[in-house]
Amino acid sequence: MTAPRPTAARKVLGRLSLPERNFVADALRTETVGGVLLLIAAVTALIWANVPALHDSYESVSHYHLGPGALGLNLSVAHWAADGLLAVFFFVAGIELKRELVAGDLRDPKAAALPVVAALCGMAVPALVYTLTNLTGGGSLQGWAVPTATDIAFALAVLAVIGTSLPSALRAFLLTLAVVDDLFAILIIAIFFTAGIDFVALGGAVIGLAVFWLLLRRGVRGWYVYVPLALVIWALMYNSGVHATIAGVAMGLMLRCTTREDEKHSPGEHVEHLVRPLSAGLAVPLFALFSAGVAISGGALGDVFTKPETLGVVLGLVVGKAVGIFGGTWLTARFTRASLSDDLAWPDVFAVASLAGIGFTVSLLIGELAFDGDQVLTDEVKAAVLVGSLIAALCATVLLKVRNAKYRKMCEDEERDEDLDGIPDIYEQDEPSYHLRMAEIHERKAAEHRRLAEVKAAERRALAEVAGGAGEDNDGPA
């Protein structure tokens, strides 16, 4: 009877497969550009709202109403950005989540445990920090969900600028973590920020989603079919009282993200490739433009650290997120058979966990929903989100700078392709053909070195003969 083979211990944040690594690299490039545009939009909003000569125009544009009132859609520009354009962002988030569930890291329950536990801890601890801060200071508990969200576009933009040599496994961890984070943020919005429900409109939205699903399953193609249907579903979902972004998530989850024999890319990947630039380059920056424009003054910044609601948001983002995600990852490694990859150290994980404290887009949205009707407190909470995100970004920058020298060596090892076949050598270590190619390469190099050595030896002999000959000709007395 053959003894069972021992199961190798699973590595936490180990090396990615090559297809997964390529997907992460493509996603990071788009999200990074989106993060830069998001930053520009946020700075523009702050300048527009805080320069006295421009403030009134910002308010006028933000509160300008347009849309068909008969359909319940006569909304302000800021409202359209939050409920309309942000649905595109959540549509892409839905596709990302579906892909992770069927083709990415989340398809394996053992591998999914890490980002799920880390994301849950990274949402529970900030909520707990906010709650404790407000219970102690006598503040409102309505904003407990504000510091629970992570803005992946901003976080990856900082990562691209500072952590240039970060290993792909840590980048993928942050990306997958944010996808799971988005899912739970969506559930929070749907469960806790739905005041009243119009069941007729909700039923119409469900029927629309069923039609959307049937069309997908029957292989119907054409944007002119799906875009009008998506708009109808969104409008019905909005009028139902459930936050309209839920419609975007639901439609994203319905797309097929597995390939068939005759397909190079799945429909989900194809649609995501088309829509992601619209989300990262237009929808999210416009939302930031009309949400981040809060009045910032010395007194307002002082209030951020004195009022329990705003202090709870800052502490939740800066302390709660880093401690929660790092703690969730450590607990997974401590109480399961998983262990941290040999190439990494726990300070590396903490540096990336601190990036998750950049909670911009969804945090601003939840802040508006949590304190709806109290414009002063809404603006103060938005200022707290901006301050907390900035502090988290600065802390992460310092930590990543400290670790970046080690990252650079690891990144070089990941990218090395000595046999020039287009595949990094680290992925071919178990292939005999790779070692045969490397043996040929080393043999050619050795032959070249031998040839050069022979040439140099011949040159030295020639010089010696010339020098010796000169001595024989001139060995007589001067």
Protein backbone atom coordinates (compact mmCIF):
# COMPACT_ATOMS: atom_id res chain seq x y z
CA MET A 1 0.00 0.00 0.00
CA THR A 2 1.46 3.33 -1.06
CA ALA A 3 1.76 5.91 1.68
CA PRO A 4 -0.22 9.11 1.02
CA ARG A 5 1.83 11.99 -0.26
CA PRO A 6 2.20 14.80 2.27
CA THR A 7 0.23 17.90 1.42
CA ALA A 8 2.42 20.91 0.89
CA ALA A 9 1.64 23.81 3.21
CA ARG A 10 -0.21 26.56 1.41
CA LYS A 11 1.65 29.86 1.22
CA VAL A 12 -0.14 33.08 2.11
CA LEU A 13 0.52 35.63 -0.67
CA GLY A 14 2.56 33.13 -2.66
CA ARG A 15 3.50 33.56 -6.31
CA LEU A 16 0.58 33.95 -8.73
CA SER A 17 -0.02 31.80 -11.77
CA LEU A 18 1.11 33.47 -14.99
CA PRO A 19 -2.43 34.07 -16.40
CA GLU A 20 -3.59 35.54 -13.09
CA ARG A 21 -0.51 37.70 -12.90
CA ASN A 22 -1.13 39.06 -16.42
CA PHE A 23 -4.75 39.83 -15.54
CA VAL A 24 -3.70 41.67 -12.39
CA ALA A 25 -1.12 43.68 -14.34
CA ASP A 26 -3.73 44.78 -16.92
CA ALA A 27 -6.24 45.70 -14.22
CA LEU A 28 -3.63 47.66 -12.29
CA ARG A 29 -2.69 49.72 -15.32
CA THR A 30 -6.28 50.85 -15.85
CA GLU A 31 -6.99 51.42 -12.16
CA THR A 32 -3.78 53.42 -11.79
CA VAL A 33 -4.77 55.81 -14.57
CA GLY A 34 -8.21 56.05 -12.99
CA GLY A 35 -6.63 56.85 -9.64
CA VAL A 36 -4.64 59.72 -11.14
CA LEU A 37 -7.81 61.12 -12.76
CA LEU A 38 -9.64 60.66 -9.47
CA LEU A 39 -6.96 62.64 -7.66
CA ILE A 40 -7.16 65.44 -10.24
CA ALA A 41 -10.97 65.52 -9.90
CA ALA A 42 -10.78 65.65 -6.09
CA VAL A 43 -8.23 68.49 -6.10
CA THR A 44 -10.30 70.36 -8.70
CA ALA A 45 -13.42 69.97 -6.53
CA LEU A 46 -11.63 71.30 -3.44
CA ILE A 47 -10.28 74.31 -5.32
CA TRP A 48 -13.64 74.97 -7.01
CA ALA A 49 -15.53 74.80 -3.70
CA ASN A 50 -13.03 76.76 -1.58
CA VAL A 51 -12.03 79.68 -3.82
CA PRO A 52 -14.53 82.43 -2.89
CA ALA A 53 -14.96 83.61 -6.47
CA LEU A 54 -15.79 80.06 -7.64
CA HIS A 55 -17.76 78.67 -4.69
CA ASP A 56 -21.19 79.89 -5.86
CA SER A 57 -20.72 78.41 -9.31
CA TYR A 58 -19.80 75.04 -7.77
CA GLU A 59 -22.98 75.05 -5.70
CA SER A 60 -25.06 76.11 -8.70
CA VAL A 61 -23.73 73.35 -10.94
CA SER A 62 -23.93 70.67 -8.21
CA HIS A 63 -27.55 71.47 -7.39
CA TYR A 64 -28.75 72.06 -10.94
CA HIS A 65 -31.65 69.66 -11.62
CA LEU A 66 -32.32 67.85 -14.86
CA GLY A 67 -34.12 64.72 -15.99
CA PRO A 68 -37.71 63.58 -16.54
CA GLY A 69 -39.70 64.46 -13.44
CA ALA A 70 -42.63 62.26 -14.52
CA LEU A 71 -40.35 59.23 -14.09
CA GLY A 72 -39.10 60.39 -10.71
CA LEU A 73 -35.71 61.22 -12.21
CA ASN A 74 -35.52 65.00 -11.94
CA LEU A 75 -32.22 64.86 -10.04
CA SER A 76 -29.41 67.26 -9.27
CA VAL A 77 -26.09 66.91 -11.09
CA ALA A 78 -24.46 65.67 -7.86
CA HIS A 79 -27.30 63.16 -7.43
CA TRP A 80 -26.88 61.89 -11.01
CA ALA A 81 -23.15 61.44 -10.35
CA ALA A 82 -23.73 59.50 -7.11
CA ASP A 83 -26.64 57.32 -8.20
CA GLY A 84 -26.19 57.23 -11.97
CA LEU A 85 -22.53 57.31 -12.94
CA LEU A 86 -21.46 55.36 -9.87
CA ALA A 87 -23.68 52.50 -11.04
CA VAL A 88 -21.14 52.05 -13.86
CA PHE A 89 -18.38 51.69 -11.26
CA PHE A 90 -20.39 49.06 -9.38
CA PHE A 91 -21.19 47.28 -12.66
CA VAL A 92 -17.45 46.80 -13.22
CA ALA A 93 -17.08 45.75 -9.56
CA GLY A 94 -19.77 43.12 -10.15
CA ILE A 95 -17.91 41.73 -13.17
CA GLU A 96 -14.64 41.65 -11.20
CA LEU A 97 -16.33 39.80 -8.37
CA LYS A 98 -17.91 37.28 -10.78
CA ARG A 99 -14.55 36.67 -12.44
CA GLU A 100 -12.82 36.14 -9.10
CA LEU A 101 -15.57 33.70 -8.07
CA VAL A 102 -15.40 31.54 -11.21
CA ALA A 103 -11.88 31.99 -12.59
CA GLY A 104 -9.78 33.86 -10.05
CA ASP A 105 -8.49 33.33 -6.53
CA LEU A 106 -11.96 33.21 -4.96
CA ARG A 107 -12.93 30.04 -6.86
CA ASP A 108 -10.80 28.01 -4.45
CA PRO A 109 -12.32 28.17 -0.94
CA LYS A 110 -8.90 27.76 0.65
CA ALA A 111 -7.40 30.61 -1.36
CA ALA A 112 -10.56 32.73 -0.94
CA ALA A 113 -10.38 32.47 2.85
CA LEU A 114 -7.51 34.96 3.06
CA PRO A 115 -9.01 37.98 1.20
CA VAL A 116 -12.49 37.28 2.62
CA VAL A 117 -11.28 37.13 6.23
CA ALA A 118 -8.97 40.11 5.69
CA ALA A 119 -11.77 42.16 4.08
CA LEU A 120 -14.27 41.28 6.84
CA CYS A 121 -11.77 42.20 9.55
CA GLY A 122 -10.85 45.31 7.56
CA MET A 123 -14.49 46.41 7.70
CA ALA A 124 -15.41 45.23 11.21
CA VAL A 125 -12.48 46.86 13.02
CA PRO A 126 -12.98 50.36 11.50
CA ALA A 127 -16.71 50.14 12.33
CA LEU A 128 -15.78 49.13 15.89
CA VAL A 129 -13.25 51.97 16.17
CA TYR A 130 -15.88 54.48 14.96
CA THR A 131 -18.51 53.10 17.34
CA LEU A 132 -16.22 53.17 20.38
CA THR A 133 -15.07 56.71 19.54
CA ASN A 134 -18.66 57.97 19.33
CA LEU A 135 -19.89 56.06 22.37
CA THR A 136 -17.05 57.64 24.35
CA GLY A 137 -17.55 61.11 22.90
CA GLY A 138 -21.35 61.10 22.76
CA GLY A 139 -21.53 61.32 18.95
CA SER A 140 -23.89 59.84 16.39
CA LEU A 141 -23.56 56.16 15.52
CA GLN A 142 -25.14 56.66 12.09
CA GLY A 143 -21.75 56.92 10.37
CA TRP A 144 -20.37 53.56 11.54
CA ALA A 145 -20.13 52.31 7.94
CA VAL A 146 -18.25 55.32 6.54
CA PRO A 147 -14.69 54.10 7.32
CA THR A 148 -15.39 50.51 6.25
CA ALA A 149 -14.82 51.02 2.50
CA THR A 150 -11.56 51.06 0.50
CA ASP A 151 -11.06 53.10 -2.66
CA ILE A 152 -9.15 50.74 -4.92
CA ALA A 153 -8.40 53.33 -7.62
CA PHE A 154 -6.71 55.71 -5.18
CA ALA A 155 -4.91 52.91 -3.35
CA LEU A 156 -3.51 51.46 -6.57
CA ALA A 157 -2.48 54.91 -7.80
CA VAL A 158 -0.39 55.39 -4.65
CA LEU A 159 0.93 51.86 -5.04
CA ALA A 160 1.97 52.53 -8.64
CA VAL A 161 3.88 55.68 -7.69
CA ILE A 162 5.50 54.48 -4.46
CA GLY A 163 5.57 50.68 -4.53
CA THR A 164 6.98 50.38 -8.03
CA SER A 165 8.73 47.10 -7.24
CA LEU A 166 5.99 45.51 -5.16
CA PRO A 167 5.66 41.74 -5.80
CA SER A 168 2.67 40.78 -7.92
CA ALA A 169 1.25 38.63 -5.12
CA LEU A 170 0.87 41.64 -2.82
CA ARG A 171 -0.62 43.73 -5.63
CA ALA A 172 -3.10 40.94 -6.36
CA PHE A 173 -3.91 40.70 -2.65
CA LEU A 174 -4.83 44.38 -2.55
CA LEU A 175 -6.89 44.09 -5.74
CA THR A 176 -8.79 40.98 -4.60
CA LEU A 177 -9.25 42.43 -1.13
CA ALA A 178 -10.84 45.54 -2.64
CA VAL A 179 -13.22 43.44 -4.76
CA VAL A 180 -14.43 41.60 -1.65
CA ASP A 181 -14.55 44.93 0.21
CA ASP A 182 -16.76 46.35 -2.55
CA LEU A 183 -19.14 43.39 -2.22
CA PHE A 184 -19.65 43.92 1.49
CA ALA A 185 -19.94 47.69 1.01
CA ILE A 186 -22.72 47.02 -1.51
CA LEU A 187 -24.49 44.77 1.01
CA ILE A 188 -24.18 47.47 3.67
CA ILE A 189 -25.73 50.04 1.34
CA ALA A 190 -28.54 47.67 0.34
CA ILE A 191 -29.37 46.53 3.90
CA PHE A 192 -28.75 49.55 6.10
CA PHE A 193 -29.41 52.54 3.83
CA THR A 194 -32.73 51.60 2.27
CA ALA A 195 -35.41 53.67 4.01
CA GLY A 196 -38.61 52.56 2.26
CA ILE A 197 -39.31 50.16 -0.59
CA ASP A 198 -41.71 50.56 -3.50
CA PHE A 199 -42.42 46.90 -4.21
CA VAL A 200 -44.00 47.64 -7.61
CA ALA A 201 -40.86 49.38 -8.87
CA LEU A 202 -38.67 46.73 -7.24
CA GLY A 203 -40.69 43.98 -8.91
CA GLY A 204 -40.24 45.73 -12.27
CA ALA A 205 -36.48 45.91 -11.68
CA VAL A 206 -36.38 42.19 -10.84
CA ILE A 207 -38.33 41.37 -14.03
CA GLY A 208 -35.91 43.53 -16.01
CA LEU A 209 -32.96 41.67 -14.48
CA ALA A 210 -34.59 38.36 -15.38
CA VAL A 211 -34.95 39.52 -19.01
CA PHE A 212 -31.32 40.68 -18.95
CA TRP A 213 -30.24 37.22 -17.71
CA LEU A 214 -32.33 35.37 -20.32
CA LEU A 215 -30.92 37.46 -23.17
CA LEU A 216 -27.40 36.71 -21.98
CA ARG A 217 -28.09 32.98 -21.75
CA ARG A 218 -29.57 32.91 -25.25
CA GLY A 219 -26.46 34.59 -26.63
CA VAL A 220 -28.21 37.76 -27.80
CA ARG A 221 -25.64 40.40 -28.72
CA GLY A 222 -25.74 44.12 -29.37
CA TRP A 223 -25.26 47.12 -27.11
CA TYR A 224 -28.47 48.61 -28.52
CA VAL A 225 -30.36 45.81 -26.70
CA TYR A 226 -28.58 45.85 -23.36
CA VAL A 227 -27.94 49.55 -22.79
CA PRO A 228 -31.64 50.62 -23.00
CA LEU A 229 -32.62 47.62 -20.86
CA ALA A 230 -29.93 48.50 -18.30
CA LEU A 231 -31.23 52.09 -18.11
CA VAL A 232 -34.79 50.84 -17.48
CA ILE A 233 -33.55 48.47 -14.75
CA TRP A 234 -31.53 51.26 -13.16
CA ALA A 235 -34.51 53.68 -13.19
CA LEU A 236 -36.83 51.09 -11.63
CA MET A 237 -34.26 50.21 -8.98
CA TYR A 238 -33.80 53.90 -8.15
CA ASN A 239 -37.55 54.46 -7.78
CA SER A 240 -37.88 51.32 -5.66
CA GLY A 241 -35.93 52.94 -2.81
CA VAL A 242 -33.05 50.44 -3.03
CA HIS A 243 -29.85 52.26 -3.91
CA ALA A 244 -29.58 52.34 -7.70
CA THR A 245 -25.98 51.12 -7.76
CA ILE A 246 -27.28 47.68 -6.72
CA ALA A 247 -28.67 47.34 -10.26
CA GLY A 248 -25.16 47.76 -11.68
CA VAL A 249 -23.76 45.06 -9.40
CA ALA A 250 -26.58 42.63 -10.22
CA MET A 251 -26.07 43.01 -13.98
CA GLY A 252 -22.30 42.64 -13.61
CA LEU A 253 -22.71 39.38 -11.68
CA MET A 254 -24.91 37.96 -14.46
CA LEU A 255 -22.24 38.15 -17.15
CA ARG A 256 -20.46 34.92 -17.99
CA CYS A 257 -16.78 35.09 -17.07
CA THR A 258 -15.62 31.67 -18.27
CA THR A 259 -14.39 31.01 -21.81
CA ARG A 260 -15.68 28.37 -24.21
CA GLU A 261 -13.67 26.48 -26.80
CA ASP A 262 -14.33 28.98 -29.60
CA GLU A 263 -13.65 32.05 -27.41
CA LYS A 264 -10.43 33.86 -26.64
CA HIS A 265 -12.12 36.02 -23.99
CA SER A 266 -15.32 35.51 -22.03
CA PRO A 267 -18.22 37.98 -22.48
CA GLY A 268 -17.56 39.33 -19.00
CA GLU A 269 -13.90 40.05 -19.77
CA HIS A 270 -14.85 41.65 -23.10
CA VAL A 271 -17.49 43.93 -21.54
CA GLU A 272 -15.22 44.80 -18.63
CA HIS A 273 -12.45 45.74 -21.10
CA LEU A 274 -14.89 48.11 -22.82
CA VAL A 275 -16.55 49.58 -19.73
CA ARG A 276 -13.63 49.82 -17.29
CA PRO A 277 -12.12 52.93 -19.01
CA LEU A 278 -15.56 54.58 -18.84
CA SER A 279 -15.78 53.77 -15.14
CA ALA A 280 -12.21 54.72 -14.18
CA GLY A 281 -11.85 57.63 -16.60
CA LEU A 282 -15.27 59.30 -16.42
CA ALA A 283 -17.82 57.94 -13.94
CA VAL A 284 -15.69 57.85 -10.77
CA PRO A 285 -13.81 61.15 -11.41
CA LEU A 286 -17.11 62.96 -12.05
CA PHE A 287 -18.54 61.52 -8.85
CA ALA A 288 -15.46 62.79 -6.99
CA LEU A 289 -15.80 66.19 -8.64
CA PHE A 290 -19.29 66.69 -7.21
CA SER A 291 -18.78 64.89 -3.91
CA ALA A 292 -15.36 66.03 -2.70
CA GLY A 293 -16.12 69.76 -2.95
CA VAL A 294 -16.41 70.51 0.75
CA ALA A 295 -15.43 73.77 2.42
CA ILE A 296 -12.03 73.35 4.07
CA SER A 297 -10.76 75.91 6.58
CA GLY A 298 -8.48 75.91 9.59
CA GLY A 299 -11.48 75.65 11.88
CA ALA A 300 -13.07 72.87 9.84
CA LEU A 301 -9.84 70.84 9.87
CA GLY A 302 -9.63 71.36 13.63
CA ASP A 303 -13.19 70.07 14.01
CA VAL A 304 -12.20 66.87 12.22
CA PHE A 305 -10.08 65.91 15.23
CA THR A 306 -12.45 67.18 17.92
CA LYS A 307 -15.93 65.98 16.91
CA PRO A 308 -16.54 62.28 17.65
CA GLU A 309 -18.19 61.58 14.28
CA THR A 310 -15.31 62.93 12.23
CA LEU A 311 -12.59 61.66 14.58
CA GLY A 312 -14.18 58.22 14.41
CA VAL A 313 -13.96 58.28 10.60
CA VAL A 314 -10.29 59.32 10.63
CA LEU A 315 -9.29 56.73 13.24
CA GLY A 316 -11.34 54.07 11.49
CA LEU A 317 -9.59 54.66 8.16
CA VAL A 318 -6.05 55.12 9.48
CA VAL A 319 -5.95 52.71 12.42
CA GLY A 320 -8.94 50.41 11.95
CA LYS A 321 -8.27 49.47 8.33
CA ALA A 322 -4.56 48.69 8.79
CA VAL A 323 -5.06 46.76 12.04
CA GLY A 324 -8.12 44.91 10.74
CA ILE A 325 -6.63 43.74 7.44
CA PHE A 326 -3.24 42.90 8.92
CA GLY A 327 -4.90 41.12 11.84
CA GLY A 328 -7.20 39.15 9.54
CA THR A 329 -4.26 38.04 7.42
CA TRP A 330 -2.20 37.08 10.48
CA LEU A 331 -5.10 35.15 12.01
CA THR A 332 -5.54 33.21 8.75
CA ALA A 333 -1.87 32.24 8.80
CA ARG A 334 -1.92 31.51 12.54
CA PHE A 335 -4.98 29.30 12.77
CA THR A 336 -4.93 27.54 9.40
CA ARG A 337 -2.29 25.43 7.64
CA ALA A 338 -1.31 28.43 5.56
CA SER A 339 2.01 30.21 6.08
CA LEU A 340 3.42 33.47 4.77
CA SER A 341 5.41 33.22 1.55
CA ASP A 342 9.14 32.83 2.16
CA ASP A 343 9.83 35.89 0.03
CA LEU A 344 7.77 38.22 2.24
CA ALA A 345 7.82 39.54 5.78
CA TRP A 346 4.89 40.70 7.91
CA PRO A 347 5.94 44.38 7.65
CA ASP A 348 5.32 44.01 3.89
CA VAL A 349 1.75 42.92 4.57
CA PHE A 350 1.22 45.78 7.04
CA ALA A 351 2.49 48.31 4.49
CA VAL A 352 -0.10 47.14 1.96
CA ALA A 353 -2.83 46.91 4.62
CA SER A 354 -2.25 50.56 5.47
CA LEU A 355 -3.06 51.47 1.84
CA ALA A 356 -6.59 50.16 2.34
CA GLY A 357 -7.20 53.12 4.65
CA ILE A 358 -7.63 55.25 1.54
CA GLY A 359 -11.43 55.18 1.59
CA PHE A 360 -12.61 57.76 -0.89
CA THR A 361 -15.34 56.94 -3.42
CA VAL A 362 -17.56 54.54 -1.48
CA SER A 363 -16.82 56.24 1.87
CA LEU A 364 -18.05 59.56 0.47
CA LEU A 365 -21.16 57.83 -0.87
CA ILE A 366 -21.91 56.14 2.47
CA GLY A 367 -21.27 59.43 4.27
CA GLU A 368 -23.95 61.11 2.14
CA LEU A 369 -26.39 58.28 2.83
CA ALA A 370 -25.65 58.05 6.57
CA PHE A 371 -26.19 61.72 7.34
CA ASP A 372 -28.81 62.52 4.71
CA GLY A 373 -30.65 65.66 5.76
CA ASP A 374 -27.80 67.10 7.85
CA GLN A 375 -25.71 68.96 5.29
CA VAL A 376 -23.29 70.42 7.85
CA LEU A 377 -22.41 67.03 9.34
CA THR A 378 -22.29 65.46 5.86
CA ASP A 379 -19.66 68.00 4.77
CA GLU A 380 -17.70 67.48 7.99
CA VAL A 381 -17.70 63.71 7.50
CA LYS A 382 -16.57 64.18 3.88
CA ALA A 383 -13.70 66.35 5.15
CA ALA A 384 -12.85 63.58 7.63
CA VAL A 385 -12.79 61.04 4.78
CA LEU A 386 -10.37 63.26 2.85
CA VAL A 387 -8.13 63.82 5.88
CA GLY A 388 -8.16 60.16 6.91
CA SER A 389 -7.41 59.01 3.37
CA LEU A 390 -4.52 61.49 3.12
CA ILE A 391 -3.01 60.33 6.42
CA ALA A 392 -3.36 56.68 5.40
CA ALA A 393 -1.70 57.43 2.06
CA LEU A 394 1.22 59.21 3.78
CA CYS A 395 1.70 56.37 6.29
CA ALA A 396 1.62 53.80 3.50
CA THR A 397 4.10 55.87 1.49
CA VAL A 398 6.61 55.87 4.36
CA LEU A 399 6.21 52.13 4.97
CA LEU A 400 6.47 51.25 1.27
CA LYS A 401 9.55 53.43 0.82
CA VAL A 402 11.25 51.58 3.66
CA ARG A 403 10.44 48.20 2.10
CA ASN A 404 10.90 49.15 -1.56
CA ALA A 405 14.58 48.14 -1.77
CA LYS A 406 13.65 44.57 -0.89
CA TYR A 407 10.71 44.69 -3.28
CA ARG A 408 13.01 45.76 -6.13
CA LYS A 409 15.14 42.62 -5.78
CA MET A 410 12.02 40.43 -5.72
CA CYS A 411 10.55 42.21 -8.73
CA GLU A 412 13.77 41.66 -10.70
CA ASP A 413 13.60 37.93 -9.88
CA GLU A 414 9.98 37.81 -11.08
CA GLU A 415 10.77 39.59 -14.36
CA ARG A 416 14.00 37.78 -15.31
CA ASP A 417 13.74 36.03 -18.71
CA GLU A 418 17.22 34.80 -19.58
CA ASP A 419 16.07 32.37 -22.28
CA LEU A 420 14.15 35.21 -24.00
CA ASP A 421 11.01 33.15 -24.66
CA GLY A 422 8.62 35.81 -23.31
CA ILE A 423 7.83 33.87 -20.11
CA PRO A 424 9.59 34.82 -16.84
CA ASP A 425 12.07 32.11 -15.83
CA ILE A 426 10.49 31.73 -12.39
CA TYR A 427 7.47 30.07 -14.04
CA GLU A 428 9.57 27.51 -15.93
CA GLN A 429 11.72 26.05 -13.18
CA ASP A 430 9.99 22.65 -13.38
CA GLU A 431 10.18 22.30 -17.18
CA PRO A 432 13.10 20.21 -18.60
CA SER A 433 12.95 22.15 -21.89
CA TYR A 434 13.72 25.37 -19.99
CA HIS A 435 16.84 23.86 -18.42
CA LEU A 436 17.97 22.51 -21.84
CA ARG A 437 17.60 26.01 -23.32
CA MET A 438 19.50 27.51 -20.40
CA ALA A 439 22.24 24.88 -20.80
CA GLU A 440 22.63 25.86 -24.48
CA ILE A 441 22.73 29.54 -23.53
CA HIS A 442 25.37 28.93 -20.85
CA GLU A 443 27.39 26.78 -23.24
CA ARG A 444 27.36 29.56 -25.86
CA LYS A 445 28.42 32.06 -23.21
CA ALA A 446 31.17 29.71 -22.02
CA ALA A 447 32.40 29.20 -25.59
CA GLU A 448 32.47 32.97 -26.10
CA HIS A 449 34.39 33.43 -22.84
CA ARG A 450 36.90 30.73 -23.93
CA ARG A 451 37.33 32.45 -27.30
CA LEU A 452 37.92 35.81 -25.62
CA ALA A 453 40.36 34.21 -23.18
CA GLU A 454 42.28 32.64 -26.08
CA VAL A 455 42.39 35.98 -27.90
CA LYS A 456 43.69 37.77 -24.81
CA ALA A 457 46.25 35.00 -24.19
CA ALA A 458 47.46 35.30 -27.79
CA GLU A 459 47.74 39.07 -27.40
CA ARG A 460 49.78 38.67 -24.21
CA ARG A 461 52.10 36.14 -25.94
CA ALA A 462 52.56 38.51 -28.87
CA LEU A 463 53.44 41.37 -26.53
CA ALA A 464 55.88 39.15 -24.65
CA GLU A 465 57.59 38.11 -27.88
CA VAL A 466 57.86 41.73 -29.00
CA ALA A 467 59.29 42.76 -25.66
CA GLY A 468 61.72 39.84 -25.65
CA GLY A 469 62.83 40.58 -29.20
CA ALA A 470 63.52 44.18 -28.32
CA GLY A 471 65.72 43.05 -25.47
CA GLU A 472 67.79 40.74 -27.76
CA ASP A 473 68.44 43.50 -30.29
CA ASN A 474 69.60 45.99 -27.68
CA ASP A 475 71.47 43.78 -25.21
CA GLY A 476 74.87 45.32 -26.05
CA PRO A 477 76.39 48.27 -24.20
CA ALA A 478 74.95 51.65 -24.94
